[in-house]
């Protein structure tokens, strides 16, 4: 029900999400293709957020022509300069918006297929939960709140609500992204993961019930 989006959608009716993707591509000057996979980040560009891993692997990931990359954020100059150069190199497939726009952030969550969050540490993390609400599947490092909220895709039973990798390793991050891209080519798999992500409940009611279950018996 986000009023900032060009169209609305829910877990059972995702056509509006496709329209949000096309609007995102149009607004950022990307090739307007519904079939391409959009991987996005809304982040501070720092080592804590794992941006050094992105810097090491972005060139190899962009070799996959069915992927576009969108960044909204600012941070260390070395990363900002790197992303500006990458945008020039991959014009039409990559956009680096250095700065912040609340309206654009909403559109990125809604229009992207995957949300990359390779943090070195993340005590809680909010962005991955926002992404899931908008049906953008998180790709995260297994740390702190990211490990608590993102259940990695299990190819044997189709369960999960995102993708993850264990170590602060650029190649592990790349493998997780490639696993996500492969899953995207299987409509039944990806629709199940998107539904699970959008149904995820991280509200206080659930937390309070869990707290009561563990502790109230002691009174």
Protein backbone atom coordinates (compact mmCIF):
# COMPACT_ATOMS: atom_id res chain seq x y z
CA UNK A 1 0.00 0.00 0.00
CA UNK A 2 3.01 2.30 -0.43
CA UNK A 3 1.79 5.61 -1.94
CA UNK A 4 5.27 6.35 -3.34
CA UNK A 5 5.07 3.46 -5.81
CA UNK A 6 3.74 3.73 -9.36
CA UNK A 7 1.68 0.59 -8.80
CA UNK A 8 0.80 -1.65 -5.87
CA UNK A 9 1.07 -5.38 -5.36
CA UNK A 10 0.81 -8.12 -2.76
CA UNK A 11 2.08 -11.66 -2.33
CA UNK A 12 -0.70 -13.08 -4.49
CA UNK A 13 -0.70 -10.41 -7.20
CA UNK A 14 2.79 -9.42 -8.28
CA UNK A 15 2.09 -7.73 -11.60
CA UNK A 16 2.49 -4.35 -9.89
CA UNK A 17 6.02 -5.33 -8.88
CA UNK A 18 6.90 -5.89 -12.53
CA UNK A 19 5.64 -2.40 -13.32
CA UNK A 20 7.74 -1.02 -10.47
CA UNK A 21 10.80 -2.70 -11.99
CA UNK A 22 10.15 -1.10 -15.38
CA UNK A 23 9.66 2.30 -13.73
CA UNK A 24 12.91 1.85 -11.77
CA UNK A 25 14.79 0.97 -14.95
CA UNK A 26 13.26 3.93 -16.78
CA UNK A 27 14.03 6.40 -14.00
CA UNK A 28 17.66 5.29 -13.69
CA UNK A 29 18.40 5.02 -17.40
CA UNK A 30 18.71 1.24 -17.44
CA UNK A 31 17.62 -1.00 -20.28
CA UNK A 32 13.90 -1.52 -19.73
CA UNK A 33 13.63 -5.30 -19.66
CA UNK A 34 11.17 -7.22 -17.54
CA UNK A 35 13.13 -10.47 -17.96
CA UNK A 36 16.42 -9.17 -16.57
CA UNK A 37 17.34 -9.66 -12.90
CA UNK A 38 17.82 -6.50 -10.82
CA UNK A 39 20.19 -6.78 -7.85
CA UNK A 40 20.09 -3.72 -5.59
CA UNK A 41 21.75 -2.11 -2.59
CA UNK A 42 20.60 0.83 -0.44
CA UNK A 43 23.52 1.29 1.90
CA UNK A 44 26.37 3.17 3.42
CA UNK A 45 29.39 2.40 1.27
CA UNK A 46 31.82 1.24 3.96
CA UNK A 47 33.85 -1.85 4.77
CA UNK A 48 31.45 -2.65 7.64
CA UNK A 49 28.69 -3.03 5.05
CA UNK A 50 30.87 -5.40 3.05
CA UNK A 51 31.42 -3.00 0.20
CA UNK A 52 34.99 -4.18 -0.26
CA UNK A 53 33.52 -7.56 -1.28
CA UNK A 54 31.28 -5.84 -3.82
CA UNK A 55 34.26 -3.92 -5.18
CA UNK A 56 36.21 -7.13 -5.70
CA UNK A 57 33.44 -9.10 -7.43
CA UNK A 58 31.33 -6.56 -9.31
CA UNK A 59 33.25 -6.91 -12.57
CA UNK A 60 32.83 -10.69 -12.57
CA UNK A 61 29.14 -10.44 -11.72
CA UNK A 62 28.53 -7.96 -14.52
CA UNK A 63 29.78 -10.56 -16.99
CA UNK A 64 26.31 -12.10 -16.61
CA UNK A 65 24.26 -10.17 -19.16
CA UNK A 66 20.94 -11.10 -17.58
CA UNK A 67 21.77 -9.03 -14.46
CA UNK A 68 21.44 -5.31 -13.70
CA UNK A 69 22.88 -3.65 -10.59
CA UNK A 70 21.43 -0.66 -8.75
CA UNK A 71 23.08 1.23 -5.90
CA UNK A 72 21.70 4.04 -3.75
CA UNK A 73 24.08 5.32 -1.11
CA UNK A 74 27.19 7.22 -0.15
CA UNK A 75 30.29 6.59 1.92
CA UNK A 76 34.01 6.17 1.53
CA UNK A 77 35.45 8.04 -1.44
CA UNK A 78 37.24 4.97 -2.82
CA UNK A 79 33.92 3.15 -3.15
CA UNK A 80 32.03 6.15 -4.53
CA UNK A 81 34.69 6.67 -7.21
CA UNK A 82 34.69 2.96 -8.02
CA UNK A 83 30.92 2.92 -8.50
CA UNK A 84 30.93 6.06 -10.69
CA UNK A 85 33.51 4.38 -12.94
CA UNK A 86 31.45 1.16 -12.98
CA UNK A 87 28.35 3.06 -14.05
CA UNK A 88 30.25 4.56 -16.98
CA UNK A 89 31.61 1.12 -17.91
CA UNK A 90 28.26 -0.69 -17.77
CA UNK A 91 25.94 2.03 -19.01
CA UNK A 92 22.38 0.77 -19.28
CA UNK A 93 23.04 -2.14 -16.92
CA UNK A 94 24.31 -0.41 -13.78
CA UNK A 95 23.29 2.74 -11.96
CA UNK A 96 25.12 4.23 -8.98
CA UNK A 97 23.06 6.99 -7.37
CA UNK A 98 25.52 8.58 -4.96
CA UNK A 99 23.47 10.30 -2.29
CA UNK A 100 20.04 9.55 -0.90
CA UNK A 101 16.43 9.84 -2.05
CA UNK A 102 13.61 8.42 0.04
CA UNK A 103 11.31 8.11 -2.98
CA UNK A 104 13.97 6.27 -4.95
CA UNK A 105 14.71 3.98 -1.99
CA UNK A 106 11.07 2.85 -1.94
CA UNK A 107 11.14 2.23 -5.69
CA UNK A 108 14.37 0.23 -5.43
CA UNK A 109 12.90 -2.05 -2.77
CA UNK A 110 9.79 -2.56 -4.88
CA UNK A 111 11.43 -2.83 -8.29
CA UNK A 112 14.42 -5.02 -7.49
CA UNK A 113 14.44 -8.80 -7.50
CA UNK A 114 17.30 -9.25 -5.03
CA UNK A 115 18.70 -7.09 -2.27
CA UNK A 116 22.41 -7.51 -1.53
CA UNK A 117 23.59 -6.97 2.06
CA UNK A 118 27.05 -8.54 2.62
CA UNK A 119 27.74 -6.89 6.00
CA UNK A 120 30.76 -7.81 8.11
CA UNK A 121 28.59 -7.32 11.20
CA UNK A 122 24.95 -6.30 11.60
CA UNK A 123 23.48 -6.49 15.14
CA UNK A 124 19.93 -6.19 13.81
CA UNK A 125 19.57 -4.92 10.27
CA UNK A 126 16.43 -3.28 8.98
CA UNK A 127 16.98 -3.16 5.23
CA UNK A 128 16.72 -6.91 4.70
CA UNK A 129 13.33 -6.93 6.43
CA UNK A 130 12.09 -3.98 4.37
CA UNK A 131 13.28 -5.74 1.21
CA UNK A 132 11.36 -8.89 2.11
CA UNK A 133 8.18 -6.90 2.71
CA UNK A 134 8.52 -5.55 -0.84
CA UNK A 135 9.21 -8.99 -2.31
CA UNK A 136 12.90 -8.34 -2.96
CA UNK A 137 14.80 -11.43 -1.82
CA UNK A 138 17.78 -10.66 0.43
CA UNK A 139 21.27 -11.99 -0.28
CA UNK A 140 23.11 -11.61 3.02
CA UNK A 141 26.13 -12.69 4.99
CA UNK A 142 25.23 -14.91 7.92
CA UNK A 143 25.86 -12.52 10.79
CA UNK A 144 23.80 -11.02 13.61
CA UNK A 145 20.29 -9.99 12.68
CA UNK A 146 20.81 -11.02 9.06
CA UNK A 147 21.24 -14.64 10.11
CA UNK A 148 18.26 -14.30 12.46
CA UNK A 149 15.83 -13.08 9.81
CA UNK A 150 16.94 -14.62 6.50
CA UNK A 151 16.43 -18.35 5.99
CA UNK A 152 18.58 -19.45 3.03
CA UNK A 153 16.99 -21.16 0.05
CA UNK A 154 17.02 -24.95 0.27
CA UNK A 155 17.07 -26.36 -3.25
CA UNK A 156 15.87 -29.77 -2.03
CA UNK A 157 12.53 -28.68 -0.60
CA UNK A 158 12.19 -25.13 -1.97
CA UNK A 159 12.04 -23.54 1.50
CA UNK A 160 13.61 -20.26 2.55
CA UNK A 161 13.06 -16.53 2.17
CA UNK A 162 16.40 -15.44 0.75
CA UNK A 163 20.03 -16.41 0.15
CA UNK A 164 23.12 -16.27 2.33
CA UNK A 165 26.83 -16.99 2.60
CA UNK A 166 28.89 -17.69 5.71
CA UNK A 167 32.29 -16.01 5.55
CA UNK A 168 33.54 -12.51 4.69
CA UNK A 169 34.76 -13.81 1.37
CA UNK A 170 34.15 -12.16 -1.98
CA UNK A 171 33.93 -15.46 -3.84
CA UNK A 172 31.34 -16.81 -1.39
CA UNK A 173 29.30 -13.66 -1.94
CA UNK A 174 29.54 -14.10 -5.70
CA UNK A 175 28.41 -17.74 -5.40
CA UNK A 176 25.38 -16.66 -3.35
CA UNK A 177 24.44 -14.09 -6.01
CA UNK A 178 24.81 -16.68 -8.77
CA UNK A 179 22.63 -19.12 -6.81
CA UNK A 180 19.98 -16.40 -6.62
CA UNK A 181 20.25 -15.69 -10.35
CA UNK A 182 19.82 -19.40 -11.12
CA UNK A 183 16.74 -19.59 -8.89
CA UNK A 184 15.26 -16.59 -10.69
CA UNK A 185 15.13 -18.66 -13.88
CA UNK A 186 12.75 -21.12 -12.15
CA UNK A 187 9.39 -19.30 -11.79
CA UNK A 188 7.88 -21.76 -9.32
CA UNK A 189 10.92 -21.59 -7.06
CA UNK A 190 11.16 -17.82 -7.07
CA UNK A 191 7.43 -17.29 -6.54
CA UNK A 192 7.55 -19.54 -3.46
CA UNK A 193 10.53 -17.65 -2.02
CA UNK A 194 8.90 -14.28 -2.67
CA UNK A 195 5.70 -15.39 -0.96
CA UNK A 196 7.65 -16.64 2.06
CA UNK A 197 9.60 -13.37 2.24
CA UNK A 198 6.47 -11.21 2.06
CA UNK A 199 4.76 -13.34 4.72
CA UNK A 200 7.67 -13.08 7.18
CA UNK A 201 6.59 -11.56 10.49
CA UNK A 202 9.16 -9.66 12.53
CA UNK A 203 6.66 -7.65 14.57
CA UNK A 204 6.72 -7.14 18.33
CA UNK A 205 3.65 -9.34 18.87
CA UNK A 206 5.54 -12.39 17.69
CA UNK A 207 8.63 -11.44 19.71
CA UNK A 208 6.52 -10.88 22.84
CA UNK A 209 4.88 -14.29 22.47
CA UNK A 210 8.29 -15.93 22.10
CA UNK A 211 9.59 -14.06 25.15
CA UNK A 212 6.60 -15.15 27.20
CA UNK A 213 7.00 -18.76 26.10
CA UNK A 214 10.60 -18.81 27.28
CA UNK A 215 10.44 -16.82 30.49
CA UNK A 216 6.96 -16.50 32.04
CA UNK A 217 6.97 -20.08 33.27
CA UNK A 218 9.70 -18.99 35.71
CA UNK A 219 7.37 -16.60 37.59
